[in-house]
Amino acid sequence: MVNDIHLPAAASHAKPVILKGDTLHEVEL
């Protein structure tokens, strides 16, 4: 996971997130 971006704790623990450009894409596993 990228630590250079600010994410809500709940959201970051809910599912993996990938940073592409300036947008956050939630990864569906």
PDB file of N, CA and C in Angstrom:
ATOM      1  N   MET A   1       0.842  -1.197   0.000  1.00  0.00           N
ATOM      2  CA  MET A   1       0.000   0.000   0.000  1.00  0.00           C
ATOM      3  C   MET A   1       0.878   1.248   0.000  1.00  0.00           C
ATOM      4  N   VAL A   2       0.361   2.289  -0.617  1.00  0.00           N
ATOM      5  CA  VAL A   2       1.113   3.532  -0.715  1.00  0.00           C
ATOM      6  C   VAL A   2       0.886   4.373   0.529  1.00  0.00           C
ATOM      7  N   ASN A   3       1.980   4.757   1.175  1.00  0.00           N
ATOM      8  CA  ASN A   3       1.866   5.540   2.395  1.00  0.00           C
ATOM      9  C   ASN A   3       2.007   7.033   2.122  1.00  0.00           C
ATOM     10  N   ASP A   4       2.180   7.393   0.855  1.00  0.00           N
ATOM     11  CA  ASP A   4       2.379   8.798   0.503  1.00  0.00           C
ATOM     12  C   ASP A   4       1.060   9.537   0.348  1.00  0.00           C
ATOM     13  N   ILE A   5      -0.049   8.806   0.490  1.00  0.00           N
ATOM     14  CA  ILE A   5      -1.361   9.440   0.337  1.00  0.00           C
ATOM     15  C   ILE A   5      -2.127   9.344   1.639  1.00  0.00           C
ATOM     16  N   HIS A   6      -3.047  10.275   1.842  1.00  0.00           N
ATOM     17  CA  HIS A   6      -3.827  10.282   3.075  1.00  0.00           C
ATOM     18  C   HIS A   6      -5.146   9.551   2.844  1.00  0.00           C
ATOM     19  N   LEU A   7      -5.361   8.512   3.635  1.00  0.00           N
ATOM     20  CA  LEU A   7      -6.614   7.756   3.520  1.00  0.00           C
ATOM     21  C   LEU A   7      -7.251   7.627   4.889  1.00  0.00           C
ATOM     22  N   PRO A   8      -8.571   7.645   4.924  1.00  0.00           N
ATOM     23  CA  PRO A   8      -9.274   7.377   6.182  1.00  0.00           C
ATOM     24  C   PRO A   8      -8.881   5.993   6.685  1.00  0.00           C
ATOM     25  N   ALA A   9      -8.640   5.860   7.969  1.00  0.00           N
ATOM     26  CA  ALA A   9      -8.195   4.586   8.533  1.00  0.00           C
ATOM     27  C   ALA A   9      -9.178   3.473   8.203  1.00  0.00           C
ATOM     28  N   ALA A  10     -10.453   3.765   8.333  1.00  0.00           N
ATOM     29  CA  ALA A  10     -11.477   2.748   8.077  1.00  0.00           C
ATOM     30  C   ALA A  10     -11.424   2.289   6.626  1.00  0.00           C
ATOM     31  N   ALA A  11     -11.262   3.233   5.717  1.00  0.00           N
ATOM     32  CA  ALA A  11     -11.253   2.895   4.294  1.00  0.00           C
ATOM     33  C   ALA A  11     -10.007   2.086   3.943  1.00  0.00           C
ATOM     34  N   SER A  12      -8.861   2.477   4.509  1.00  0.00           N
ATOM     35  CA  SER A  12      -7.618   1.790   4.179  1.00  0.00           C
ATOM     36  C   SER A  12      -7.618   0.364   4.718  1.00  0.00           C
ATOM     37  N   HIS A  13      -8.322   0.150   5.838  1.00  0.00           N
ATOM     38  CA  HIS A  13      -8.373  -1.197   6.410  1.00  0.00           C
ATOM     39  C   HIS A  13      -9.463  -2.033   5.746  1.00  0.00           C
ATOM     40  N   ALA A  14     -10.395  -1.358   5.095  1.00  0.00           N
ATOM     41  CA  ALA A  14     -11.520  -2.065   4.493  1.00  0.00           C
ATOM     42  C   ALA A  14     -11.066  -2.866   3.277  1.00  0.00           C
ATOM     43  N   LYS A  15     -10.244  -2.250   2.421  1.00  0.00           N
ATOM     44  CA  LYS A  15      -9.789  -2.954   1.220  1.00  0.00           C
ATOM     45  C   LYS A  15      -8.527  -2.290   0.686  1.00  0.00           C
ATOM     46  N   PRO A  16      -7.740  -3.031  -0.076  1.00  0.00           N
ATOM     47  CA  PRO A  16      -6.521  -2.470  -0.665  1.00  0.00           C
ATOM     48  C   PRO A  16      -6.864  -1.343  -1.634  1.00  0.00           C
ATOM     49  N   VAL A  17      -5.991  -0.360  -1.707  1.00  0.00           N
ATOM     50  CA  VAL A  17      -6.219   0.754  -2.616  1.00  0.00           C
ATOM     51  C   VAL A  17      -4.972   1.009  -3.449  1.00  0.00           C
ATOM     52  N   ILE A  18      -5.169   1.215  -4.737  1.00  0.00           N
ATOM     53  CA  ILE A  18      -4.045   1.483  -5.628  1.00  0.00           C
ATOM     54  C   ILE A  18      -4.109   2.929  -6.099  1.00  0.00           C
ATOM     55  N   LEU A  19      -2.963   3.595  -6.066  1.00  0.00           N
ATOM     56  CA  LEU A  19      -2.921   4.983  -6.500  1.00  0.00           C
ATOM     57  C   LEU A  19      -2.508   5.062  -7.963  1.00  0.00           C
ATOM     58  N   LYS A  20      -3.404   5.595  -8.785  1.00  0.00           N
ATOM     59  CA  LYS A  20      -3.092   5.768 -10.207  1.00  0.00           C
ATOM     60  C   LYS A  20      -3.269   7.231 -10.560  1.00  0.00           C
ATOM     61  N   GLY A  21      -2.195   7.896 -10.877  1.00  0.00           N
ATOM     62  CA  GLY A  21      -2.284   9.320 -11.186  1.00  0.00           C
ATOM     63  C   GLY A  21      -2.745  10.069  -9.950  1.00  0.00           C
ATOM     64  N   ASP A  22      -3.860  10.753 -10.066  1.00  0.00           N
ATOM     65  CA  ASP A  22      -4.392  11.509  -8.936  1.00  0.00           C
ATOM     66  C   ASP A  22      -5.685  10.894  -8.424  1.00  0.00           C
ATOM     67  N   THR A  23      -5.976   9.675  -8.887  1.00  0.00           N
ATOM     68  CA  THR A  23      -7.232   9.051  -8.480  1.00  0.00           C
ATOM     69  C   THR A  23      -6.966   7.776  -7.704  1.00  0.00           C
ATOM     70  N   LEU A  24      -7.861   7.462  -6.790  1.00  0.00           N
ATOM     71  CA  LEU A  24      -7.734   6.240  -6.006  1.00  0.00           C
ATOM     72  C   LEU A  24      -8.679   5.187  -6.558  1.00  0.00           C
ATOM     73  N   HIS A  25      -8.127   4.023  -6.840  1.00  0.00           N
ATOM     74  CA  HIS A  25      -8.964   2.941  -7.352  1.00  0.00           C
ATOM     75  C   HIS A  25      -9.037   1.833  -6.309  1.00  0.00           C
ATOM     76  N   GLU A  26     -10.242   1.502  -5.908  1.00  0.00           N
ATOM     77  CA  GLU A  26     -10.402   0.433  -4.931  1.00  0.00           C
ATOM     78  C   GLU A  26     -10.213  -0.904  -5.620  1.00  0.00           C
ATOM     79  N   VAL A  27      -9.460  -1.785  -4.978  1.00  0.00           N
ATOM     80  CA  VAL A  27      -9.204  -3.090  -5.574  1.00  0.00           C
ATOM     81  C   VAL A  27     -10.220  -4.095  -5.063  1.00  0.00           C
ATOM     82  N   GLU A  28     -10.978  -4.658  -5.974  1.00  0.00           N
ATOM     83  CA  GLU A  28     -11.966  -5.664  -5.567  1.00  0.00           C
ATOM     84  C   GLU A  28     -11.325  -7.036  -5.624  1.00  0.00           C
ATOM     85  N   LEU A  29     -11.274  -7.692  -4.460  1.00  0.00           N
ATOM     86  CA  LEU A  29     -10.643  -9.013  -4.408  1.00  0.00           C
ATOM     87  C   LEU A  29     -11.706 -10.083  -4.285  1.00  0.00           C
TER      88      LEU A  29
END
